[in-house]
């Protein structure tokens, strides 16, 4: 499906079990924060500060900068594919007041463990507190 003139379509893979993809249409001049805000609004997350969007460039995962234009951050601007991920792990997830945020955190940890990725929070109590 083609985007309207002056617009771009961004695909974002979510953390849920089935890897759902959300498509968002934004202005070609949109900054990274506009896309993240759009996702956060759709999910109705009240603690967006823990989350971010990643993309792959030169076989490396990079974080989308919220203050810079989306297209300017990507060498191949035609492939607007992102992953919604936990960017900052809380030291104590019980301090997260929203259950949905804690659920997204748990999905991220589960995803990383299933993919045999190192879990960034392994050295603190986050991983253990979630399953207490």
C-alpha atoms as a PDB file:
ATOM      1  CA  UNK A   1       0.000   0.000   0.000  1.00  0.00           C
ATOM      2  CA  UNK A   2       1.578   3.269  -1.114  1.00  0.00           C
ATOM      3  CA  UNK A   3       1.759   6.315   1.143  1.00  0.00           C
ATOM      4  CA  UNK A   4       0.142   9.604   0.255  1.00  0.00           C
ATOM      5  CA  UNK A   5       2.294  12.396  -1.133  1.00  0.00           C
ATOM      6  CA  UNK A   6       4.444  13.962   1.589  1.00  0.00           C
ATOM      7  CA  UNK A   7       3.823  11.010   3.872  1.00  0.00           C
ATOM      8  CA  UNK A   8       5.820   7.895   4.747  1.00  0.00           C
ATOM      9  CA  UNK A   9       4.682   4.555   6.097  1.00  0.00           C
ATOM     10  CA  UNK A  10       6.599   3.119   9.037  1.00  0.00           C
ATOM     11  CA  UNK A  11       6.223  -0.515  10.122  1.00  0.00           C
ATOM     12  CA  UNK A  12       6.838  -1.293  13.793  1.00  0.00           C
ATOM     13  CA  UNK A  13       7.113  -4.838  15.165  1.00  0.00           C
ATOM     14  CA  UNK A  14       5.611  -5.020  18.634  1.00  0.00           C
ATOM     15  CA  UNK A  15       6.716  -7.102  21.616  1.00  0.00           C
ATOM     16  CA  UNK A  16       3.604  -9.269  21.859  1.00  0.00           C
ATOM     17  CA  UNK A  17       3.860 -13.016  21.396  1.00  0.00           C
ATOM     18  CA  UNK A  18       2.785 -13.073  17.747  1.00  0.00           C
ATOM     19  CA  UNK A  19       5.112 -10.258  16.620  1.00  0.00           C
ATOM     20  CA  UNK A  20       2.266  -8.013  15.504  1.00  0.00           C
ATOM     21  CA  UNK A  21       3.257  -5.210  13.139  1.00  0.00           C
ATOM     22  CA  UNK A  22       1.698  -1.767  13.450  1.00  0.00           C
ATOM     23  CA  UNK A  23       1.834   0.537  10.444  1.00  0.00           C
ATOM     24  CA  UNK A  24       1.903   4.277  10.969  1.00  0.00           C
ATOM     25  CA  UNK A  25       1.767   6.985   8.347  1.00  0.00           C
ATOM     26  CA  UNK A  26       3.684  10.157   9.189  1.00  0.00           C
ATOM     27  CA  UNK A  27       4.974  13.229   7.423  1.00  0.00           C
ATOM     28  CA  UNK A  28       8.264  12.630   5.576  1.00  0.00           C
ATOM     29  CA  UNK A  29       9.682  15.362   7.827  1.00  0.00           C
ATOM     30  CA  UNK A  30       8.617  13.659  11.071  1.00  0.00           C
ATOM     31  CA  UNK A  31      11.146  13.178  13.850  1.00  0.00           C
ATOM     32  CA  UNK A  32      11.632   9.908  15.717  1.00  0.00           C
ATOM     33  CA  UNK A  33       9.617  11.078  18.724  1.00  0.00           C
ATOM     34  CA  UNK A  34       6.521  11.477  16.524  1.00  0.00           C
ATOM     35  CA  UNK A  35       6.612   7.788  15.605  1.00  0.00           C
ATOM     36  CA  UNK A  36       7.244   6.686  19.198  1.00  0.00           C
ATOM     37  CA  UNK A  37       4.400   8.945  20.422  1.00  0.00           C
ATOM     38  CA  UNK A  38       2.081   7.403  17.841  1.00  0.00           C
ATOM     39  CA  UNK A  39       2.909   3.880  19.044  1.00  0.00           C
ATOM     40  CA  UNK A  40       2.635   4.840  22.722  1.00  0.00           C
ATOM     41  CA  UNK A  41      -0.763   6.440  22.088  1.00  0.00           C
ATOM     42  CA  UNK A  42      -2.043   3.335  20.278  1.00  0.00           C
ATOM     43  CA  UNK A  43      -0.881   1.123  23.155  1.00  0.00           C
ATOM     44  CA  UNK A  44      -2.185   3.631  25.725  1.00  0.00           C
ATOM     45  CA  UNK A  45       1.098   3.425  27.651  1.00  0.00           C
ATOM     46  CA  UNK A  46       1.418   5.948  30.447  1.00  0.00           C
ATOM     47  CA  UNK A  47       5.153   5.390  31.050  1.00  0.00           C
ATOM     48  CA  UNK A  48       6.744   5.945  27.618  1.00  0.00           C
ATOM     49  CA  UNK A  49      10.124   6.905  29.090  1.00  0.00           C
ATOM     50  CA  UNK A  50      11.115   3.226  29.331  1.00  0.00           C
ATOM     51  CA  UNK A  51      10.592   2.477  25.627  1.00  0.00           C
ATOM     52  CA  UNK A  52      12.148   3.247  22.293  1.00  0.00           C
ATOM     53  CA  UNK A  53      12.388   2.169  18.666  1.00  0.00           C
ATOM     54  CA  UNK A  54      15.267   0.350  17.044  1.00  0.00           C
ATOM     55  CA  UNK A  55      16.216  -0.241  13.428  1.00  0.00           C
ATOM     56  CA  UNK A  56      18.950  -2.196  11.700  1.00  0.00           C
ATOM     57  CA  UNK A  57      21.638  -0.406   9.745  1.00  0.00           C
ATOM     58  CA  UNK A  58      24.797  -2.094   8.490  1.00  0.00           C
ATOM     59  CA  UNK A  59      23.797  -5.221  10.436  1.00  0.00           C
ATOM     60  CA  UNK A  60      23.778  -3.222  13.680  1.00  0.00           C
ATOM     61  CA  UNK A  61      20.792  -2.379  15.879  1.00  0.00           C
ATOM     62  CA  UNK A  62      20.514   1.379  16.414  1.00  0.00           C
ATOM     63  CA  UNK A  63      18.118   3.450  18.492  1.00  0.00           C
ATOM     64  CA  UNK A  64      15.932   5.929  16.654  1.00  0.00           C
ATOM     65  CA  UNK A  65      16.772   9.423  17.928  1.00  0.00           C
ATOM     66  CA  UNK A  66      13.599  11.237  18.955  1.00  0.00           C
ATOM     67  CA  UNK A  67      14.960  14.678  18.066  1.00  0.00           C
ATOM     68  CA  UNK A  68      16.132  13.898  14.529  1.00  0.00           C
ATOM     69  CA  UNK A  69      14.215  13.296  11.336  1.00  0.00           C
ATOM     70  CA  UNK A  70      13.379   9.629  10.763  1.00  0.00           C
ATOM     71  CA  UNK A  71      14.527   9.593   7.132  1.00  0.00           C
ATOM     72  CA  UNK A  72      17.772  11.407   7.981  1.00  0.00           C
ATOM     73  CA  UNK A  73      18.770   8.686  10.446  1.00  0.00           C
ATOM     74  CA  UNK A  74      18.506   5.858   7.959  1.00  0.00           C
ATOM     75  CA  UNK A  75      20.903   5.247   5.096  1.00  0.00           C
ATOM     76  CA  UNK A  76      18.235   3.312   3.247  1.00  0.00           C
ATOM     77  CA  UNK A  77      15.231   5.575   3.800  1.00  0.00           C
ATOM     78  CA  UNK A  78      13.007   3.295   1.731  1.00  0.00           C
ATOM     79  CA  UNK A  79      13.039   0.567   4.411  1.00  0.00           C
ATOM     80  CA  UNK A  80      11.199   2.125   7.338  1.00  0.00           C
ATOM     81  CA  UNK A  81      11.076  -0.921   9.604  1.00  0.00           C
ATOM     82  CA  UNK A  82      11.401  -0.587  13.387  1.00  0.00           C
ATOM     83  CA  UNK A  83      11.133  -2.660  16.547  1.00  0.00           C
ATOM     84  CA  UNK A  84       9.380  -1.401  19.678  1.00  0.00           C
ATOM     85  CA  UNK A  85      11.649  -2.273  22.593  1.00  0.00           C
ATOM     86  CA  UNK A  86      12.426  -1.535  26.210  1.00  0.00           C
ATOM     87  CA  UNK A  87      15.207   1.028  26.171  1.00  0.00           C
ATOM     88  CA  UNK A  88      15.676   1.596  29.900  1.00  0.00           C
ATOM     89  CA  UNK A  89      15.263  -1.196  32.426  1.00  0.00           C
ATOM     90  CA  UNK A  90      14.041  -0.067  35.847  1.00  0.00           C
ATOM     91  CA  UNK A  91      16.080  -1.210  38.831  1.00  0.00           C
ATOM     92  CA  UNK A  92      12.818  -2.259  40.494  1.00  0.00           C
ATOM     93  CA  UNK A  93       9.873  -2.948  38.152  1.00  0.00           C
ATOM     94  CA  UNK A  94       7.439  -2.657  41.056  1.00  0.00           C
ATOM     95  CA  UNK A  95       8.158   1.080  40.897  1.00  0.00           C
ATOM     96  CA  UNK A  96       6.481   1.126  37.472  1.00  0.00           C
ATOM     97  CA  UNK A  97       2.941   2.175  38.317  1.00  0.00           C
ATOM     98  CA  UNK A  98       1.332   0.827  35.166  1.00  0.00           C
ATOM     99  CA  UNK A  99       0.683  -2.882  34.725  1.00  0.00           C
ATOM    100  CA  UNK A 100       0.864  -2.536  30.926  1.00  0.00           C
ATOM    101  CA  UNK A 101       4.403  -1.131  31.188  1.00  0.00           C
ATOM    102  CA  UNK A 102       5.469  -4.034  33.407  1.00  0.00           C
ATOM    103  CA  UNK A 103       3.866  -6.430  30.916  1.00  0.00           C
ATOM    104  CA  UNK A 104       5.830  -4.881  28.023  1.00  0.00           C
ATOM    105  CA  UNK A 105       9.007  -5.204  30.115  1.00  0.00           C
ATOM    106  CA  UNK A 106       8.274  -8.881  30.742  1.00  0.00           C
ATOM    107  CA  UNK A 107       7.645  -9.442  27.018  1.00  0.00           C
ATOM    108  CA  UNK A 108      10.997  -7.822  26.195  1.00  0.00           C
ATOM    109  CA  UNK A 109      12.880 -10.037  28.650  1.00  0.00           C
ATOM    110  CA  UNK A 110      11.046 -13.120  27.384  1.00  0.00           C
ATOM    111  CA  UNK A 111      11.835 -12.192  23.770  1.00  0.00           C
ATOM    112  CA  UNK A 112      15.514 -11.682  24.543  1.00  0.00           C
ATOM    113  CA  UNK A 113      15.782 -14.983  26.402  1.00  0.00           C
ATOM    114  CA  UNK A 114      14.072 -16.890  23.578  1.00  0.00           C
ATOM    115  CA  UNK A 115      16.379 -15.253  21.028  1.00  0.00           C
ATOM    116  CA  UNK A 116      19.421 -16.117  23.179  1.00  0.00           C
ATOM    117  CA  UNK A 117      20.273 -12.432  23.434  1.00  0.00           C
ATOM    118  CA  UNK A 118      21.964 -11.110  26.521  1.00  0.00           C
ATOM    119  CA  UNK A 119      19.374  -9.668  28.832  1.00  0.00           C
ATOM    120  CA  UNK A 120      20.469  -6.146  29.676  1.00  0.00           C
ATOM    121  CA  UNK A 121      18.903  -6.278  33.105  1.00  0.00           C
ATOM    122  CA  UNK A 122      20.523  -9.541  34.176  1.00  0.00           C
ATOM    123  CA  UNK A 123      22.820  -7.846  36.671  1.00  0.00           C
ATOM    124  CA  UNK A 124      20.042  -6.189  38.637  1.00  0.00           C
ATOM    125  CA  UNK A 125      16.896  -7.339  40.351  1.00  0.00           C
ATOM    126  CA  UNK A 126      14.502  -6.533  37.496  1.00  0.00           C
ATOM    127  CA  UNK A 127      14.418  -9.990  35.956  1.00  0.00           C
ATOM    128  CA  UNK A 128      13.906 -11.703  39.274  1.00  0.00           C
ATOM    129  CA  UNK A 129      11.322  -9.289  40.629  1.00  0.00           C
ATOM    130  CA  UNK A 130       9.070  -9.784  37.609  1.00  0.00           C
ATOM    131  CA  UNK A 131       8.581 -13.451  38.395  1.00  0.00           C
ATOM    132  CA  UNK A 132       8.238 -13.167  42.201  1.00  0.00           C
END
